[in-house]
Amino acid sequence: MTRAQIRLADVADDPANEAKKVAPTEIVAVDFGRVHQESFGKYKAGIDEIGAGMTGLSNALLNLGSGIGSAGSKYTAQEANAGAQANQAGGNR
């Protein structure tokens, strides 16, 4: 579980860093040409959504890694406790 947590932490920033290359777009309405400028608003909104989704993915990966780390810690603590109880029950003090 620790390995998974570390790996997720290592890659969690990647989508957000790539999102900076995508949104906000450097393209402006004029780049669409005189006839197609009215379509720019939908294009920009789509690009902004893609950027937000990539940033959201980074946050989700960080949260997942944190959850895995917490679960791993609890699992380790429970295993230690169960081992101690088994030793005590068996007279191995």
N, C-alpha and C. Protein backbone atom coordinates (compact mmCIF):
# COMPACT_ATOMS: atom_id res chain seq x y z
N MET A 1 0.82 -1.18 0.00
CA MET A 1 0.00 0.00 0.00
C MET A 1 0.87 1.25 0.00
N THR A 2 1.97 1.18 0.70
CA THR A 2 2.87 2.33 0.73
C THR A 2 3.41 2.63 -0.65
N ARG A 3 3.76 1.59 -1.39
CA ARG A 3 4.26 1.78 -2.76
C ARG A 3 3.22 2.47 -3.64
N ALA A 4 1.98 2.03 -3.51
CA ALA A 4 0.90 2.63 -4.30
C ALA A 4 0.72 4.10 -3.93
N GLN A 5 0.78 4.40 -2.64
CA GLN A 5 0.64 5.78 -2.19
C GLN A 5 1.76 6.65 -2.75
N ILE A 6 2.98 6.15 -2.69
CA ILE A 6 4.13 6.91 -3.20
C ILE A 6 4.01 7.11 -4.70
N ARG A 7 3.64 6.06 -5.41
CA ARG A 7 3.52 6.15 -6.88
C ARG A 7 2.44 7.16 -7.27
N LEU A 8 1.31 7.11 -6.59
CA LEU A 8 0.24 8.07 -6.88
C LEU A 8 0.69 9.50 -6.59
N ALA A 9 1.40 9.69 -5.49
CA ALA A 9 1.90 11.02 -5.16
C ALA A 9 2.89 11.51 -6.23
N ASP A 10 3.69 10.58 -6.76
CA ASP A 10 4.67 10.95 -7.79
C ASP A 10 4.01 11.41 -9.08
N VAL A 11 2.89 10.80 -9.45
CA VAL A 11 2.26 11.12 -10.74
C VAL A 11 1.06 12.06 -10.62
N ALA A 12 0.64 12.36 -9.42
CA ALA A 12 -0.58 13.15 -9.23
C ALA A 12 -0.50 14.54 -9.85
N ASP A 13 0.66 15.14 -9.85
CA ASP A 13 0.80 16.49 -10.40
C ASP A 13 0.88 16.51 -11.92
N ASP A 14 1.13 15.38 -12.54
CA ASP A 14 1.30 15.35 -14.00
C ASP A 14 0.11 15.91 -14.77
N PRO A 15 -1.12 15.46 -14.50
CA PRO A 15 -2.23 16.02 -15.27
C PRO A 15 -2.41 17.52 -15.08
N ALA A 16 -2.24 18.02 -13.86
CA ALA A 16 -2.38 19.46 -13.61
C ALA A 16 -1.30 20.24 -14.33
N ASN A 17 -0.09 19.71 -14.36
CA ASN A 17 0.99 20.39 -15.08
C ASN A 17 0.72 20.43 -16.58
N GLU A 18 0.20 19.34 -17.11
CA GLU A 18 -0.14 19.30 -18.53
C GLU A 18 -1.33 20.22 -18.83
N ALA A 19 -2.24 20.36 -17.88
CA ALA A 19 -3.41 21.22 -18.07
C ALA A 19 -2.98 22.66 -18.32
N LYS A 20 -1.88 23.07 -17.72
CA LYS A 20 -1.38 24.44 -17.92
C LYS A 20 -0.98 24.69 -19.36
N LYS A 21 -0.66 23.62 -20.09
CA LYS A 21 -0.31 23.75 -21.50
C LYS A 21 -1.56 23.85 -22.37
N VAL A 22 -2.69 23.40 -21.83
CA VAL A 22 -3.93 23.33 -22.59
C VAL A 22 -4.82 24.55 -22.33
N ALA A 23 -5.03 24.86 -21.07
CA ALA A 23 -5.94 25.94 -20.70
C ALA A 23 -5.25 26.89 -19.74
N PRO A 24 -5.46 28.16 -19.89
CA PRO A 24 -6.31 28.80 -20.89
C PRO A 24 -5.65 28.76 -22.27
N THR A 25 -6.48 28.66 -23.27
CA THR A 25 -5.98 28.58 -24.64
C THR A 25 -5.36 29.90 -25.09
N GLU A 26 -4.34 29.79 -25.90
CA GLU A 26 -3.72 30.99 -26.47
C GLU A 26 -4.42 31.42 -27.75
N ILE A 27 -5.29 30.56 -28.24
CA ILE A 27 -6.05 30.87 -29.46
C ILE A 27 -7.13 31.89 -29.10
N VAL A 28 -7.36 32.83 -29.99
CA VAL A 28 -8.40 33.84 -29.80
C VAL A 28 -9.42 33.72 -30.94
N ALA A 29 -10.55 34.38 -30.79
CA ALA A 29 -11.63 34.27 -31.77
C ALA A 29 -11.17 34.60 -33.18
N VAL A 30 -10.32 35.58 -33.32
CA VAL A 30 -9.82 35.99 -34.64
C VAL A 30 -9.12 34.84 -35.35
N ASP A 31 -8.48 33.96 -34.58
CA ASP A 31 -7.77 32.82 -35.17
C ASP A 31 -8.73 31.83 -35.84
N PHE A 32 -10.00 31.90 -35.52
CA PHE A 32 -10.99 31.02 -36.13
C PHE A 32 -11.41 31.51 -37.52
N GLY A 33 -11.00 32.68 -37.85
CA GLY A 33 -11.39 33.25 -39.15
C GLY A 33 -12.68 34.04 -39.03
N ARG A 34 -12.87 34.93 -39.95
CA ARG A 34 -14.01 35.85 -39.91
C ARG A 34 -15.35 35.10 -39.86
N VAL A 35 -15.48 34.06 -40.62
CA VAL A 35 -16.75 33.34 -40.72
C VAL A 35 -17.03 32.46 -39.49
N HIS A 36 -16.00 31.99 -38.83
CA HIS A 36 -16.18 31.00 -37.75
C HIS A 36 -15.95 31.56 -36.35
N GLN A 37 -15.79 32.87 -36.23
CA GLN A 37 -15.50 33.45 -34.92
C GLN A 37 -16.58 33.16 -33.88
N GLU A 38 -17.80 33.03 -34.32
CA GLU A 38 -18.90 32.77 -33.39
C GLU A 38 -18.76 31.41 -32.70
N SER A 39 -17.99 30.52 -33.28
CA SER A 39 -17.77 29.19 -32.69
C SER A 39 -16.70 29.20 -31.61
N PHE A 40 -15.97 30.29 -31.48
CA PHE A 40 -14.87 30.35 -30.53
C PHE A 40 -15.34 30.15 -29.09
N GLY A 41 -16.47 30.70 -28.73
CA GLY A 41 -16.97 30.60 -27.35
C GLY A 41 -17.11 29.15 -26.90
N LYS A 42 -17.68 28.32 -27.76
CA LYS A 42 -17.84 26.89 -27.42
C LYS A 42 -16.48 26.20 -27.35
N TYR A 43 -15.59 26.57 -28.25
CA TYR A 43 -14.24 25.99 -28.25
C TYR A 43 -13.54 26.33 -26.94
N LYS A 44 -13.57 27.61 -26.56
CA LYS A 44 -12.90 28.05 -25.33
C LYS A 44 -13.51 27.37 -24.11
N ALA A 45 -14.83 27.28 -24.08
CA ALA A 45 -15.49 26.61 -22.95
C ALA A 45 -15.06 25.15 -22.86
N GLY A 46 -14.96 24.48 -24.00
CA GLY A 46 -14.51 23.09 -24.01
C GLY A 46 -13.08 22.93 -23.53
N ILE A 47 -12.21 23.80 -24.00
CA ILE A 47 -10.80 23.75 -23.57
C ILE A 47 -10.70 24.02 -22.07
N ASP A 48 -11.46 24.99 -21.58
CA ASP A 48 -11.45 25.28 -20.14
C ASP A 48 -11.93 24.07 -19.33
N GLU A 49 -12.94 23.36 -19.84
CA GLU A 49 -13.44 22.16 -19.16
C GLU A 49 -12.38 21.06 -19.15
N ILE A 50 -11.68 20.91 -20.24
CA ILE A 50 -10.62 19.90 -20.31
C ILE A 50 -9.54 20.22 -19.28
N GLY A 51 -9.13 21.48 -19.21
CA GLY A 51 -8.12 21.89 -18.23
C GLY A 51 -8.59 21.64 -16.81
N ALA A 52 -9.85 21.99 -16.54
CA ALA A 52 -10.40 21.77 -15.19
C ALA A 52 -10.47 20.28 -14.87
N GLY A 53 -10.81 19.48 -15.86
CA GLY A 53 -10.86 18.03 -15.66
C GLY A 53 -9.50 17.45 -15.34
N MET A 54 -8.48 17.94 -16.02
CA MET A 54 -7.12 17.45 -15.77
C MET A 54 -6.66 17.84 -14.37
N THR A 55 -6.99 19.06 -13.96
CA THR A 55 -6.64 19.49 -12.61
C THR A 55 -7.41 18.68 -11.58
N GLY A 56 -8.68 18.41 -11.87
CA GLY A 56 -9.48 17.58 -10.98
C GLY A 56 -8.92 16.17 -10.85
N LEU A 57 -8.41 15.64 -11.95
CA LEU A 57 -7.79 14.31 -11.92
C LEU A 57 -6.59 14.31 -10.98
N SER A 58 -5.78 15.36 -11.04
CA SER A 58 -4.64 15.46 -10.12
C SER A 58 -5.10 15.43 -8.67
N ASN A 59 -6.13 16.20 -8.37
CA ASN A 59 -6.66 16.23 -7.00
C ASN A 59 -7.20 14.86 -6.59
N ALA A 60 -7.88 14.19 -7.51
CA ALA A 60 -8.42 12.86 -7.21
C ALA A 60 -7.30 11.86 -6.94
N LEU A 61 -6.22 11.94 -7.72
CA LEU A 61 -5.09 11.03 -7.50
C LEU A 61 -4.43 11.28 -6.15
N LEU A 62 -4.30 12.56 -5.77
CA LEU A 62 -3.74 12.88 -4.45
C LEU A 62 -4.63 12.34 -3.34
N ASN A 63 -5.94 12.52 -3.48
CA ASN A 63 -6.87 12.02 -2.47
C ASN A 63 -6.84 10.50 -2.39
N LEU A 64 -6.77 9.85 -3.54
CA LEU A 64 -6.70 8.39 -3.56
C LEU A 64 -5.43 7.90 -2.86
N GLY A 65 -4.30 8.53 -3.17
CA GLY A 65 -3.04 8.16 -2.52
C GLY A 65 -3.11 8.35 -1.01
N SER A 66 -3.72 9.45 -0.60
CA SER A 66 -3.86 9.71 0.83
C SER A 66 -4.75 8.65 1.49
N GLY A 67 -5.83 8.30 0.82
CA GLY A 67 -6.72 7.27 1.36
C GLY A 67 -6.04 5.92 1.46
N ILE A 68 -5.26 5.58 0.46
CA ILE A 68 -4.53 4.31 0.48
C ILE A 68 -3.52 4.31 1.61
N GLY A 69 -2.84 5.44 1.81
CA GLY A 69 -1.88 5.56 2.90
C GLY A 69 -2.53 5.41 4.26
N SER A 70 -3.70 6.04 4.43
CA SER A 70 -4.43 5.93 5.69
C SER A 70 -4.88 4.49 5.94
N ALA A 71 -5.39 3.87 4.89
CA ALA A 71 -5.84 2.48 5.02
C ALA A 71 -4.66 1.57 5.36
N GLY A 72 -3.53 1.80 4.73
CA GLY A 72 -2.34 1.00 5.01
C GLY A 72 -1.88 1.14 6.44
N SER A 73 -1.93 2.36 6.96
CA SER A 73 -1.53 2.60 8.35
C SER A 73 -2.47 1.88 9.32
N LYS A 74 -3.77 1.95 9.03
CA LYS A 74 -4.74 1.28 9.89
C LYS A 74 -4.56 -0.24 9.82
N TYR A 75 -4.30 -0.74 8.64
CA TYR A 75 -4.10 -2.17 8.45
C TYR A 75 -2.87 -2.63 9.24
N THR A 76 -1.79 -1.88 9.16
CA THR A 76 -0.56 -2.22 9.88
C THR A 76 -0.80 -2.20 11.38
N ALA A 77 -1.51 -1.18 11.86
CA ALA A 77 -1.79 -1.08 13.29
C ALA A 77 -2.66 -2.25 13.75
N GLN A 78 -3.65 -2.61 12.95
CA GLN A 78 -4.52 -3.73 13.32
C GLN A 78 -3.76 -5.05 13.32
N GLU A 79 -2.88 -5.22 12.36
CA GLU A 79 -2.06 -6.44 12.31
C GLU A 79 -1.17 -6.55 13.54
N ALA A 80 -0.57 -5.42 13.94
CA ALA A 80 0.28 -5.43 15.12
C ALA A 80 -0.54 -5.76 16.37
N ASN A 81 -1.71 -5.17 16.46
CA ASN A 81 -2.59 -5.43 17.60
C ASN A 81 -3.03 -6.90 17.62
N ALA A 82 -3.42 -7.43 16.48
CA ALA A 82 -3.84 -8.83 16.41
C ALA A 82 -2.68 -9.76 16.77
N GLY A 83 -1.48 -9.42 16.33
CA GLY A 83 -0.31 -10.22 16.67
C GLY A 83 -0.03 -10.21 18.16
N ALA A 84 -0.16 -9.03 18.76
CA ALA A 84 0.06 -8.92 20.21
C ALA A 84 -0.98 -9.72 20.98
N GLN A 85 -2.23 -9.66 20.53
CA GLN A 85 -3.29 -10.42 21.20
C GLN A 85 -3.07 -11.93 21.05
N ALA A 86 -2.63 -12.35 19.88
CA ALA A 86 -2.37 -13.78 19.66
C ALA A 86 -1.23 -14.26 20.55
N ASN A 87 -0.18 -13.44 20.65
CA ASN A 87 0.94 -13.81 21.52
C ASN A 87 0.50 -13.89 22.98
N GLN A 88 -0.32 -12.93 23.38
CA GLN A 88 -0.80 -12.92 24.76
C GLN A 88 -1.69 -14.13 25.03
N ALA A 89 -2.55 -14.45 24.11
CA ALA A 89 -3.46 -15.59 24.28
C ALA A 89 -2.69 -16.91 24.32
N GLY A 90 -1.58 -16.96 23.61
CA GLY A 90 -0.78 -18.18 23.57
C GLY A 90 0.24 -18.25 24.69
N GLY A 91 0.24 -17.27 25.57
CA GLY A 91 1.18 -17.27 26.67
C GLY A 91 2.57 -16.83 26.27
N ASN A 92 2.72 -16.24 25.14
CA ASN A 92 4.01 -15.77 24.64
C ASN A 92 4.16 -14.29 24.98
N ARG A 93 4.47 -14.01 26.21
CA ARG A 93 4.48 -12.62 26.68
C ARG A 93 5.82 -12.02 26.60
